[in-house]
């Protein structure tokens, strides 16, 4: 799919609203669809778009000492599912990926995925900090912010992300021991004799 800059910008209109999803919605949709299988072929993204999504998501949330990367958590698969489930996000997502390729080609004569890691990093740095973004980058910044939010939502609603957070909710407890005394003291809510 060949898209010029003007068409990519038109496709980006309304990107933030179209790609927005709450964590509760994401968790419910993940459960309903069984999202997270990294062996699934994308249903929405082209092969090139999917490589771009995987690369960009992993730039946003790389693997660290606590957990794996966005791709390890199934974020690209989650995004592919979201584009099928929420068709209003399809055009902005495609436009954003096309814009990213056009910007990379303008700067480095290559599509985003073919650029060197350092080149991709410079481009993403220009998008990641809206207050410091160069003039004329507002559409790319809007896309990146929406993509980053969707990446974070996909990661933190995955099993890996929930484990990374050490989230203790959604578990049955038959008793409640209360807040540990050391935490009550730290908050200034308990003295030596209790509460």
N, C-alpha and C. Protein backbone atom coordinates (compact mmCIF):
# COMPACT_ATOMS: atom_id res chain seq x y z
N UNK A 1 0.85 -1.18 0.00
CA UNK A 1 0.00 0.00 0.00
C UNK A 1 0.89 1.23 0.00
N UNK A 2 0.82 2.02 -1.02
CA UNK A 2 1.63 3.23 -1.13
C UNK A 2 0.78 4.43 -0.72
N UNK A 3 1.29 5.18 0.25
CA UNK A 3 0.56 6.32 0.79
C UNK A 3 1.50 7.51 0.80
N UNK A 4 1.03 8.67 0.33
CA UNK A 4 1.87 9.86 0.42
C UNK A 4 1.62 10.55 1.76
N UNK A 5 2.45 11.53 2.07
CA UNK A 5 2.39 12.21 3.38
C UNK A 5 1.02 12.81 3.65
N UNK A 6 0.43 13.46 2.67
CA UNK A 6 -0.88 14.10 2.86
C UNK A 6 -1.95 13.05 3.20
N UNK A 7 -1.92 11.92 2.50
CA UNK A 7 -2.89 10.86 2.76
C UNK A 7 -2.66 10.26 4.15
N UNK A 8 -1.40 10.09 4.55
CA UNK A 8 -1.10 9.56 5.88
C UNK A 8 -1.62 10.50 6.96
N UNK A 9 -1.45 11.79 6.77
CA UNK A 9 -1.93 12.77 7.76
C UNK A 9 -3.45 12.74 7.83
N UNK A 10 -4.12 12.64 6.68
CA UNK A 10 -5.58 12.55 6.68
C UNK A 10 -6.03 11.30 7.45
N UNK A 11 -5.32 10.21 7.26
CA UNK A 11 -5.67 8.96 7.92
C UNK A 11 -5.47 9.05 9.44
N UNK A 12 -4.59 9.95 9.87
CA UNK A 12 -4.29 10.09 11.29
C UNK A 12 -5.31 10.93 12.05
N UNK A 13 -6.20 11.60 11.37
CA UNK A 13 -7.19 12.44 12.05
C UNK A 13 -7.95 11.63 13.09
N UNK A 14 -7.99 12.12 14.29
CA UNK A 14 -8.72 11.45 15.36
C UNK A 14 -8.03 10.23 15.92
N UNK A 15 -6.73 10.12 15.74
CA UNK A 15 -6.00 8.92 16.16
C UNK A 15 -6.14 8.64 17.65
N UNK A 16 -6.05 9.64 18.50
CA UNK A 16 -6.09 9.40 19.95
C UNK A 16 -7.40 8.76 20.38
N UNK A 17 -8.49 9.31 19.93
CA UNK A 17 -9.80 8.78 20.32
C UNK A 17 -10.03 7.39 19.73
N UNK A 18 -9.61 7.19 18.50
CA UNK A 18 -9.88 5.93 17.83
C UNK A 18 -9.10 4.76 18.42
N UNK A 19 -7.92 5.03 18.97
CA UNK A 19 -7.10 3.94 19.50
C UNK A 19 -7.21 3.81 21.01
N UNK A 20 -8.01 4.65 21.65
CA UNK A 20 -8.13 4.62 23.11
C UNK A 20 -8.95 3.42 23.57
N UNK A 21 -8.50 2.83 24.68
CA UNK A 21 -9.22 1.72 25.31
C UNK A 21 -8.85 1.72 26.79
N UNK A 22 -9.80 1.43 27.63
CA UNK A 22 -9.50 1.37 29.06
C UNK A 22 -8.90 0.02 29.41
N UNK A 23 -8.12 -0.06 30.47
CA UNK A 23 -7.57 -1.36 30.88
C UNK A 23 -8.65 -2.40 31.16
N UNK A 24 -9.77 -1.99 31.75
CA UNK A 24 -10.85 -2.94 32.02
C UNK A 24 -11.41 -3.52 30.72
N UNK A 25 -11.59 -2.66 29.72
CA UNK A 25 -12.07 -3.14 28.41
C UNK A 25 -11.05 -4.10 27.81
N UNK A 26 -9.77 -3.75 27.91
CA UNK A 26 -8.72 -4.57 27.33
C UNK A 26 -8.70 -5.95 27.97
N UNK A 27 -8.79 -5.99 29.30
CA UNK A 27 -8.77 -7.28 29.98
C UNK A 27 -9.97 -8.14 29.60
N UNK A 28 -11.12 -7.53 29.51
CA UNK A 28 -12.32 -8.27 29.12
C UNK A 28 -12.19 -8.80 27.70
N UNK A 29 -11.71 -7.97 26.79
CA UNK A 29 -11.56 -8.40 25.40
C UNK A 29 -10.50 -9.49 25.27
N UNK A 30 -9.41 -9.38 26.00
CA UNK A 30 -8.38 -10.42 25.98
C UNK A 30 -8.98 -11.76 26.38
N UNK A 31 -9.78 -11.73 27.44
CA UNK A 31 -10.38 -12.96 27.96
C UNK A 31 -11.36 -13.56 26.96
N UNK A 32 -12.20 -12.72 26.37
CA UNK A 32 -13.20 -13.18 25.41
C UNK A 32 -12.55 -13.80 24.19
N UNK A 33 -11.51 -13.12 23.67
CA UNK A 33 -10.91 -13.55 22.41
C UNK A 33 -9.74 -14.50 22.59
N UNK A 34 -9.27 -14.69 23.82
CA UNK A 34 -8.10 -15.52 24.04
C UNK A 34 -6.87 -14.90 23.41
N UNK A 35 -6.77 -13.57 23.42
CA UNK A 35 -5.64 -12.87 22.80
C UNK A 35 -4.37 -13.16 23.56
N UNK A 36 -3.29 -13.29 22.85
CA UNK A 36 -2.00 -13.51 23.47
C UNK A 36 -1.21 -14.62 22.80
N UNK A 37 -1.81 -15.32 21.89
CA UNK A 37 -1.10 -16.37 21.17
C UNK A 37 -0.15 -15.75 20.17
N UNK A 38 1.14 -15.97 20.39
CA UNK A 38 2.14 -15.35 19.52
C UNK A 38 2.33 -16.10 18.21
N UNK A 39 1.62 -17.19 18.04
CA UNK A 39 1.74 -17.95 16.80
C UNK A 39 0.67 -17.56 15.78
N UNK A 40 -0.29 -16.77 16.21
CA UNK A 40 -1.39 -16.40 15.33
C UNK A 40 -0.91 -15.46 14.22
N UNK A 41 -1.42 -15.66 13.03
CA UNK A 41 -1.14 -14.75 11.92
C UNK A 41 -2.02 -13.52 12.09
N UNK A 42 -1.50 -12.35 11.76
CA UNK A 42 -2.33 -11.14 11.89
C UNK A 42 -3.52 -11.17 10.94
N UNK A 43 -4.63 -10.69 11.43
CA UNK A 43 -5.84 -10.63 10.61
C UNK A 43 -6.03 -9.25 10.01
N UNK A 44 -5.50 -8.22 10.67
CA UNK A 44 -5.65 -6.86 10.17
C UNK A 44 -4.37 -6.36 9.50
N UNK A 45 -3.27 -6.45 10.18
CA UNK A 45 -2.02 -5.87 9.69
C UNK A 45 -1.46 -6.65 8.50
N UNK A 46 -0.86 -5.92 7.57
CA UNK A 46 -0.07 -6.57 6.52
C UNK A 46 1.21 -7.07 7.17
N UNK A 47 1.97 -7.89 6.47
CA UNK A 47 3.23 -8.42 7.02
C UNK A 47 4.17 -7.27 7.38
N UNK A 48 4.28 -6.28 6.51
CA UNK A 48 5.16 -5.13 6.79
C UNK A 48 4.66 -4.34 8.00
N UNK A 49 3.37 -4.06 8.05
CA UNK A 49 2.82 -3.32 9.19
C UNK A 49 3.06 -4.08 10.49
N UNK A 50 2.89 -5.39 10.44
CA UNK A 50 3.05 -6.21 11.65
C UNK A 50 4.50 -6.17 12.15
N UNK A 51 5.47 -6.22 11.23
CA UNK A 51 6.87 -6.09 11.63
C UNK A 51 7.10 -4.73 12.29
N UNK A 52 6.49 -3.70 11.73
CA UNK A 52 6.63 -2.35 12.29
C UNK A 52 6.01 -2.29 13.68
N UNK A 53 4.83 -2.84 13.83
CA UNK A 53 4.15 -2.85 15.13
C UNK A 53 5.00 -3.57 16.17
N UNK A 54 5.53 -4.74 15.83
CA UNK A 54 6.36 -5.51 16.77
C UNK A 54 7.60 -4.71 17.17
N UNK A 55 8.25 -4.12 16.21
CA UNK A 55 9.48 -3.37 16.47
C UNK A 55 9.20 -2.14 17.34
N UNK A 56 8.19 -1.37 16.97
CA UNK A 56 7.87 -0.16 17.71
C UNK A 56 7.39 -0.49 19.13
N UNK A 57 6.56 -1.51 19.28
CA UNK A 57 6.08 -1.91 20.61
C UNK A 57 7.26 -2.33 21.49
N UNK A 58 8.22 -3.05 20.91
CA UNK A 58 9.39 -3.48 21.69
C UNK A 58 10.34 -2.32 21.98
N UNK A 59 10.33 -1.29 21.18
CA UNK A 59 11.11 -0.09 21.51
C UNK A 59 10.47 0.62 22.71
N UNK A 60 9.16 0.61 22.76
CA UNK A 60 8.44 1.26 23.86
C UNK A 60 8.59 0.46 25.15
N UNK A 61 8.43 -0.85 25.07
CA UNK A 61 8.55 -1.72 26.25
C UNK A 61 9.50 -2.88 25.94
N UNK A 62 10.81 -2.62 26.05
CA UNK A 62 11.77 -3.71 25.82
C UNK A 62 11.81 -4.65 27.01
N UNK A 63 12.41 -5.80 26.80
CA UNK A 63 12.60 -6.74 27.90
C UNK A 63 13.55 -6.11 28.93
N UNK A 64 13.33 -6.44 30.19
CA UNK A 64 14.22 -5.96 31.25
C UNK A 64 14.41 -7.08 32.27
N UNK A 65 15.00 -6.76 33.40
CA UNK A 65 15.27 -7.77 34.43
C UNK A 65 14.00 -8.34 35.05
N UNK A 66 12.88 -7.59 34.94
CA UNK A 66 11.62 -8.02 35.58
C UNK A 66 10.75 -8.86 34.66
N UNK A 67 10.74 -8.54 33.37
CA UNK A 67 9.84 -9.25 32.46
C UNK A 67 10.32 -9.13 31.03
N UNK A 68 9.59 -9.80 30.16
CA UNK A 68 9.92 -9.77 28.74
C UNK A 68 9.44 -8.49 28.08
N UNK A 69 9.59 -8.44 26.78
CA UNK A 69 9.22 -7.26 25.99
C UNK A 69 7.73 -7.25 25.68
N UNK A 70 7.30 -6.18 25.03
CA UNK A 70 5.91 -6.08 24.60
C UNK A 70 5.54 -7.26 23.70
N UNK A 71 6.43 -7.63 22.79
CA UNK A 71 6.15 -8.78 21.92
C UNK A 71 6.06 -10.07 22.72
N UNK A 72 6.94 -10.21 23.71
CA UNK A 72 6.90 -11.41 24.56
C UNK A 72 5.55 -11.53 25.28
N UNK A 73 4.94 -10.38 25.58
CA UNK A 73 3.65 -10.36 26.29
C UNK A 73 2.46 -10.46 25.34
N UNK A 74 2.70 -10.56 24.03
CA UNK A 74 1.60 -10.68 23.07
C UNK A 74 0.96 -9.36 22.68
N UNK A 75 1.66 -8.25 22.87
CA UNK A 75 1.08 -6.94 22.55
C UNK A 75 0.76 -6.79 21.06
N UNK A 76 1.63 -7.20 20.14
CA UNK A 76 1.26 -7.06 18.72
C UNK A 76 -0.02 -7.84 18.37
N UNK A 77 -0.17 -9.02 18.94
CA UNK A 77 -1.38 -9.81 18.70
C UNK A 77 -2.60 -9.11 19.29
N UNK A 78 -2.42 -8.52 20.46
CA UNK A 78 -3.48 -7.74 21.10
C UNK A 78 -3.88 -6.57 20.19
N UNK A 79 -2.91 -5.86 19.65
CA UNK A 79 -3.21 -4.72 18.77
C UNK A 79 -3.92 -5.17 17.51
N UNK A 80 -3.50 -6.30 16.94
CA UNK A 80 -4.15 -6.82 15.75
C UNK A 80 -5.61 -7.13 16.06
N UNK A 81 -5.85 -7.77 17.20
CA UNK A 81 -7.22 -8.05 17.61
C UNK A 81 -8.02 -6.76 17.79
N UNK A 82 -7.40 -5.76 18.42
CA UNK A 82 -8.09 -4.50 18.67
C UNK A 82 -8.51 -3.82 17.36
N UNK A 83 -7.69 -3.94 16.33
CA UNK A 83 -8.03 -3.33 15.04
C UNK A 83 -9.23 -4.03 14.41
N UNK A 84 -9.38 -5.33 14.65
CA UNK A 84 -10.54 -6.06 14.15
C UNK A 84 -11.77 -5.71 14.99
N UNK A 85 -11.58 -5.65 16.31
CA UNK A 85 -12.68 -5.39 17.22
C UNK A 85 -13.16 -3.93 17.15
N UNK A 86 -12.25 -3.03 16.87
CA UNK A 86 -12.57 -1.59 16.84
C UNK A 86 -12.19 -1.01 15.48
N UNK A 87 -13.03 -1.19 14.49
CA UNK A 87 -12.70 -0.74 13.13
C UNK A 87 -12.41 0.75 13.02
N UNK A 88 -12.93 1.57 13.95
CA UNK A 88 -12.66 3.01 13.88
C UNK A 88 -11.19 3.32 14.12
N UNK A 89 -10.42 2.38 14.64
CA UNK A 89 -8.99 2.59 14.84
C UNK A 89 -8.14 2.16 13.67
N UNK A 90 -8.75 1.48 12.69
CA UNK A 90 -7.96 0.93 11.58
C UNK A 90 -7.29 2.00 10.72
N UNK A 91 -8.05 2.97 10.29
CA UNK A 91 -7.49 4.01 9.43
C UNK A 91 -6.40 4.82 10.14
N UNK A 92 -6.62 5.27 11.38
CA UNK A 92 -5.55 5.98 12.08
C UNK A 92 -4.30 5.11 12.30
N UNK A 93 -4.48 3.82 12.59
CA UNK A 93 -3.32 2.95 12.79
C UNK A 93 -2.54 2.80 11.49
N UNK A 94 -3.26 2.52 10.40
CA UNK A 94 -2.59 2.39 9.11
C UNK A 94 -1.91 3.70 8.71
N UNK A 95 -2.60 4.81 8.94
CA UNK A 95 -2.03 6.11 8.62
C UNK A 95 -0.78 6.40 9.44
N UNK A 96 -0.80 6.04 10.71
CA UNK A 96 0.36 6.25 11.57
C UNK A 96 1.56 5.44 11.14
N UNK A 97 1.34 4.19 10.80
CA UNK A 97 2.44 3.35 10.33
C UNK A 97 2.98 3.88 9.01
N UNK A 98 2.08 4.29 8.12
CA UNK A 98 2.51 4.87 6.85
C UNK A 98 3.29 6.16 7.09
N UNK A 99 2.81 7.01 8.00
CA UNK A 99 3.52 8.26 8.32
C UNK A 99 4.92 7.95 8.84
N UNK A 100 5.04 6.95 9.71
CA UNK A 100 6.33 6.57 10.28
C UNK A 100 7.29 6.13 9.18
N UNK A 101 6.80 5.34 8.22
CA UNK A 101 7.63 4.91 7.10
C UNK A 101 8.04 6.09 6.22
N UNK A 102 7.10 7.00 5.98
CA UNK A 102 7.41 8.17 5.16
C UNK A 102 8.45 9.06 5.84
N UNK A 103 8.32 9.26 7.12
CA UNK A 103 9.28 10.09 7.86
C UNK A 103 10.66 9.43 7.87
N UNK A 104 10.70 8.10 8.06
CA UNK A 104 11.97 7.38 8.05
C UNK A 104 12.60 7.45 6.66
N UNK A 105 11.79 7.32 5.62
CA UNK A 105 12.31 7.39 4.25
C UNK A 105 12.85 8.78 3.94
N UNK A 106 12.16 9.80 4.45
CA UNK A 106 12.62 11.18 4.22
C UNK A 106 13.95 11.43 4.92
N UNK A 107 14.11 10.89 6.11
CA UNK A 107 15.33 11.12 6.88
C UNK A 107 16.47 10.17 6.50
N UNK A 108 16.13 8.89 6.26
CA UNK A 108 17.17 7.87 6.14
C UNK A 108 17.09 7.04 4.85
N UNK A 109 16.16 7.38 3.97
CA UNK A 109 15.97 6.68 2.69
C UNK A 109 15.58 5.21 2.85
N UNK A 110 14.96 4.87 3.97
CA UNK A 110 14.53 3.49 4.22
C UNK A 110 13.22 3.51 4.99
N UNK A 111 12.41 2.45 4.85
CA UNK A 111 11.23 2.35 5.73
C UNK A 111 11.71 2.16 7.17
N UNK A 112 10.85 2.43 8.13
CA UNK A 112 11.20 2.41 9.55
C UNK A 112 11.90 1.11 9.97
N UNK A 113 11.34 -0.04 9.59
CA UNK A 113 11.91 -1.32 10.04
C UNK A 113 13.29 -1.59 9.45
N UNK A 114 13.62 -0.98 8.32
CA UNK A 114 14.92 -1.21 7.68
C UNK A 114 16.00 -0.25 8.17
N UNK A 115 15.62 0.73 8.95
CA UNK A 115 16.60 1.69 9.48
C UNK A 115 17.45 1.03 10.55
N UNK A 116 18.62 1.60 10.76
CA UNK A 116 19.49 1.15 11.86
C UNK A 116 18.81 1.49 13.19
N UNK A 117 19.13 0.74 14.22
CA UNK A 117 18.52 0.96 15.54
C UNK A 117 18.71 2.40 16.01
N UNK A 118 19.87 2.96 15.78
CA UNK A 118 20.15 4.33 16.20
C UNK A 118 19.26 5.32 15.45
N UNK A 119 19.03 5.08 14.17
CA UNK A 119 18.15 5.96 13.38
C UNK A 119 16.71 5.86 13.87
N UNK A 120 16.25 4.65 14.11
CA UNK A 120 14.89 4.48 14.63
C UNK A 120 14.76 5.17 15.99
N UNK A 121 15.78 5.05 16.80
CA UNK A 121 15.77 5.69 18.12
C UNK A 121 15.66 7.21 18.03
N UNK A 122 16.39 7.80 17.10
CA UNK A 122 16.32 9.27 16.92
C UNK A 122 14.92 9.69 16.48
N UNK A 123 14.33 8.94 15.58
CA UNK A 123 12.98 9.27 15.11
C UNK A 123 11.97 9.14 16.25
N UNK A 124 12.04 8.05 16.99
CA UNK A 124 11.11 7.85 18.11
C UNK A 124 11.33 8.92 19.18
N UNK A 125 12.56 9.29 19.44
CA UNK A 125 12.83 10.36 20.42
C UNK A 125 12.14 11.66 20.03
N UNK A 126 12.09 11.95 18.74
CA UNK A 126 11.40 13.17 18.28
C UNK A 126 9.89 13.10 18.51
N UNK A 127 9.35 11.90 18.58
CA UNK A 127 7.91 11.72 18.77
C UNK A 127 7.52 11.54 20.23
N UNK A 128 8.42 10.99 21.02
CA UNK A 128 8.10 10.58 22.39
C UNK A 128 7.97 11.74 23.37
N UNK A 129 8.52 12.86 23.06
CA UNK A 129 8.51 14.01 23.97
C UNK A 129 7.78 15.16 23.28
N UNK A 130 6.45 15.20 23.38
CA UNK A 130 5.65 16.19 22.65
C UNK A 130 6.12 17.64 22.80
N UNK A 131 6.54 18.02 23.99
CA UNK A 131 6.96 19.41 24.20
C UNK A 131 8.25 19.74 23.45
N UNK A 132 9.03 18.72 23.12
CA UNK A 132 10.30 18.95 22.42
C UNK A 132 10.24 18.55 20.95
N UNK A 133 9.08 18.11 20.48
CA UNK A 133 8.96 17.63 19.10
C UNK A 133 9.25 18.75 18.11
N UNK A 134 9.97 18.44 17.04
CA UNK A 134 10.22 19.45 16.00
C UNK A 134 8.91 19.93 15.36
N UNK A 135 8.92 21.11 14.83
CA UNK A 135 7.74 21.64 14.14
C UNK A 135 7.32 20.69 13.02
N UNK A 136 6.03 20.61 12.80
CA UNK A 136 5.49 19.78 11.73
C UNK A 136 5.36 18.31 12.08
N UNK A 137 5.61 17.94 13.33
CA UNK A 137 5.56 16.53 13.73
C UNK A 137 4.32 16.19 14.55
N UNK A 138 3.36 17.11 14.65
CA UNK A 138 2.22 16.91 15.55
C UNK A 138 1.42 15.65 15.21
N UNK A 139 1.29 15.31 13.94
CA UNK A 139 0.54 14.11 13.57
C UNK A 139 1.29 12.85 14.00
N UNK A 140 2.59 12.85 13.80
CA UNK A 140 3.40 11.72 14.24
C UNK A 140 3.40 11.58 15.75
N UNK A 141 3.46 12.72 16.45
CA UNK A 141 3.42 12.71 17.92
C UNK A 141 2.09 12.14 18.39
N UNK A 142 0.99 12.56 17.78
CA UNK A 142 -0.34 12.05 18.17
C UNK A 142 -0.41 10.54 17.95
N UNK A 143 0.08 10.07 16.81
CA UNK A 143 0.09 8.64 16.54
C UNK A 143 0.93 7.91 17.58
N UNK A 144 2.14 8.40 17.82
CA UNK A 144 3.04 7.71 18.75
C UNK A 144 2.44 7.66 20.15
N UNK A 145 1.85 8.75 20.60
CA UNK A 145 1.24 8.76 21.93
C UNK A 145 0.11 7.74 22.03
N UNK A 146 -0.74 7.67 21.01
CA UNK A 146 -1.83 6.70 21.01
C UNK A 146 -1.27 5.27 20.94
N UNK A 147 -0.25 5.07 20.12
CA UNK A 147 0.37 3.75 19.99
C UNK A 147 1.03 3.34 21.31
N UNK A 148 1.70 4.27 21.96
CA UNK A 148 2.34 3.99 23.25
C UNK A 148 1.29 3.62 24.29
N UNK A 149 0.16 4.34 24.30
CA UNK A 149 -0.91 4.01 25.24
C UNK A 149 -1.47 2.62 24.98
N UNK A 150 -1.66 2.29 23.71
CA UNK A 150 -2.18 0.97 23.37
C UNK A 150 -1.17 -0.13 23.71
N UNK A 151 0.11 0.16 23.52
CA UNK A 151 1.16 -0.78 23.89
C UNK A 151 1.14 -1.03 25.39
N UNK A 152 1.07 0.04 26.16
CA UNK A 152 1.05 -0.09 27.62
C UNK A 152 -0.19 -0.85 28.08
N UNK A 153 -1.34 -0.53 27.50
CA UNK A 153 -2.57 -1.23 27.86
C UNK A 153 -2.46 -2.72 27.53
N UNK A 154 -1.95 -3.02 26.35
CA UNK A 154 -1.77 -4.42 25.97
C UNK A 154 -0.82 -5.16 26.88
N UNK A 155 0.27 -4.50 27.27
CA UNK A 155 1.25 -5.15 28.14
C UNK A 155 0.71 -5.33 29.55
N UNK A 156 0.21 -4.26 30.15
CA UNK A 156 -0.18 -4.32 31.56
C UNK A 156 -1.47 -5.10 31.79
N UNK A 157 -2.18 -5.47 30.74
CA UNK A 157 -3.35 -6.34 30.90
C UNK A 157 -3.04 -7.78 30.51
N UNK A 158 -1.79 -8.03 30.12
CA UNK A 158 -1.37 -9.41 29.81
C UNK A 158 -0.96 -10.11 31.10
N UNK A 159 -0.87 -11.42 31.07
CA UNK A 159 -0.41 -12.17 32.24
C UNK A 159 0.97 -11.69 32.66
N UNK A 160 1.86 -11.49 31.69
CA UNK A 160 3.21 -11.03 32.00
C UNK A 160 3.19 -9.66 32.69
N UNK A 161 2.39 -8.76 32.18
CA UNK A 161 2.30 -7.42 32.76
C UNK A 161 1.70 -7.43 34.14
N UNK A 162 0.67 -8.23 34.33
CA UNK A 162 0.04 -8.34 35.66
C UNK A 162 1.04 -8.93 36.64
N UNK A 163 1.79 -9.95 36.21
CA UNK A 163 2.83 -10.53 37.08
C UNK A 163 3.92 -9.49 37.38
N UNK A 164 4.29 -8.70 36.37
CA UNK A 164 5.31 -7.68 36.54
C UNK A 164 4.89 -6.64 37.58
N UNK A 165 3.61 -6.32 37.58
CA UNK A 165 3.08 -5.36 38.56
C UNK A 165 2.94 -5.97 39.96
N UNK A 166 3.03 -7.29 40.02
CA UNK A 166 2.77 -8.03 41.26
C UNK A 166 1.37 -7.72 41.78
N UNK A 167 0.44 -7.62 40.82
CA UNK A 167 -0.96 -7.33 41.14
C UNK A 167 -1.54 -8.48 41.95
N UNK A 168 -2.15 -8.15 43.07
CA UNK A 168 -2.68 -9.18 43.96
C UNK A 168 -4.21 -9.26 43.94
N UNK A 169 -4.86 -8.50 43.11
CA UNK A 169 -6.32 -8.52 43.05
C UNK A 169 -6.84 -9.77 42.37
N UNK A 170 -8.13 -9.85 42.29
CA UNK A 170 -8.81 -10.97 41.63
C UNK A 170 -8.47 -12.31 42.25
N UNK A 171 -8.15 -12.30 43.53
CA UNK A 171 -7.86 -13.55 44.25
C UNK A 171 -8.76 -13.62 45.47
N UNK A 172 -9.27 -14.79 45.71
CA UNK A 172 -10.17 -15.00 46.84
C UNK A 172 -9.36 -15.06 48.14
N UNK A 173 -9.82 -14.38 49.14
CA UNK A 173 -9.24 -14.45 50.49
C UNK A 173 -10.37 -14.77 51.44
N UNK A 174 -10.18 -15.75 52.30
CA UNK A 174 -11.23 -16.08 53.25
C UNK A 174 -11.06 -15.33 54.58
N UNK A 175 -9.97 -14.58 54.71
CA UNK A 175 -9.79 -13.73 55.88
C UNK A 175 -8.96 -12.51 55.48
N UNK A 176 -9.06 -11.47 56.30
CA UNK A 176 -8.29 -10.25 56.03
C UNK A 176 -7.47 -9.93 57.26
N UNK A 177 -6.15 -10.09 57.18
CA UNK A 177 -5.32 -9.85 58.35
C UNK A 177 -5.11 -8.36 58.65
N UNK A 178 -5.54 -7.51 57.77
CA UNK A 178 -5.35 -6.07 57.97
C UNK A 178 -4.01 -5.61 57.43
N UNK A 179 -3.79 -4.33 57.58
CA UNK A 179 -2.55 -3.73 57.10
C UNK A 179 -1.41 -4.12 58.05
N UNK A 180 -0.25 -4.48 57.52
CA UNK A 180 0.89 -4.83 58.38
C UNK A 180 1.26 -3.66 59.30
N UNK A 181 1.60 -3.94 60.55
CA UNK A 181 1.93 -2.88 61.51
C UNK A 181 3.04 -1.94 61.03
N UNK A 182 4.05 -2.48 60.35
CA UNK A 182 5.14 -1.62 59.88
C UNK A 182 4.65 -0.59 58.86
N UNK A 183 3.67 -0.96 58.04
CA UNK A 183 3.11 -0.02 57.08
C UNK A 183 2.24 1.03 57.79
N UNK A 184 1.49 0.62 58.81
CA UNK A 184 0.70 1.57 59.58
C UNK A 184 1.60 2.60 60.26
N UNK A 185 2.74 2.13 60.82
CA UNK A 185 3.69 3.06 61.45
C UNK A 185 4.26 4.02 60.41
N UNK A 186 4.59 3.50 59.25
CA UNK A 186 5.16 4.32 58.17
C UNK A 186 4.20 5.43 57.77
N UNK A 187 2.91 5.13 57.81
CA UNK A 187 1.87 6.10 57.45
C UNK A 187 1.48 6.99 58.63
N UNK A 188 2.06 6.72 59.80
CA UNK A 188 1.75 7.50 60.98
C UNK A 188 0.38 7.18 61.55
N UNK A 189 -0.11 5.99 61.29
CA UNK A 189 -1.45 5.61 61.74
C UNK A 189 -1.42 4.67 62.94
N UNK A 190 -0.24 4.26 63.38
CA UNK A 190 -0.16 3.36 64.53
C UNK A 190 1.06 3.73 65.36
N UNK A 191 0.87 3.67 66.65
CA UNK A 191 1.98 3.88 67.58
C UNK A 191 2.43 2.55 68.10
N UNK A 192 3.17 2.59 69.19
CA UNK A 192 3.66 1.35 69.78
C UNK A 192 2.55 0.47 70.32
N UNK A 193 1.44 1.10 70.74
CA UNK A 193 0.35 0.33 71.33
C UNK A 193 -0.72 -0.06 70.34
N UNK A 194 -0.49 0.04 69.04
CA UNK A 194 -1.51 -0.31 68.04
C UNK A 194 -2.15 0.93 67.48
N UNK A 195 -3.35 0.81 66.97
CA UNK A 195 -4.01 1.92 66.29
C UNK A 195 -4.65 2.88 67.24
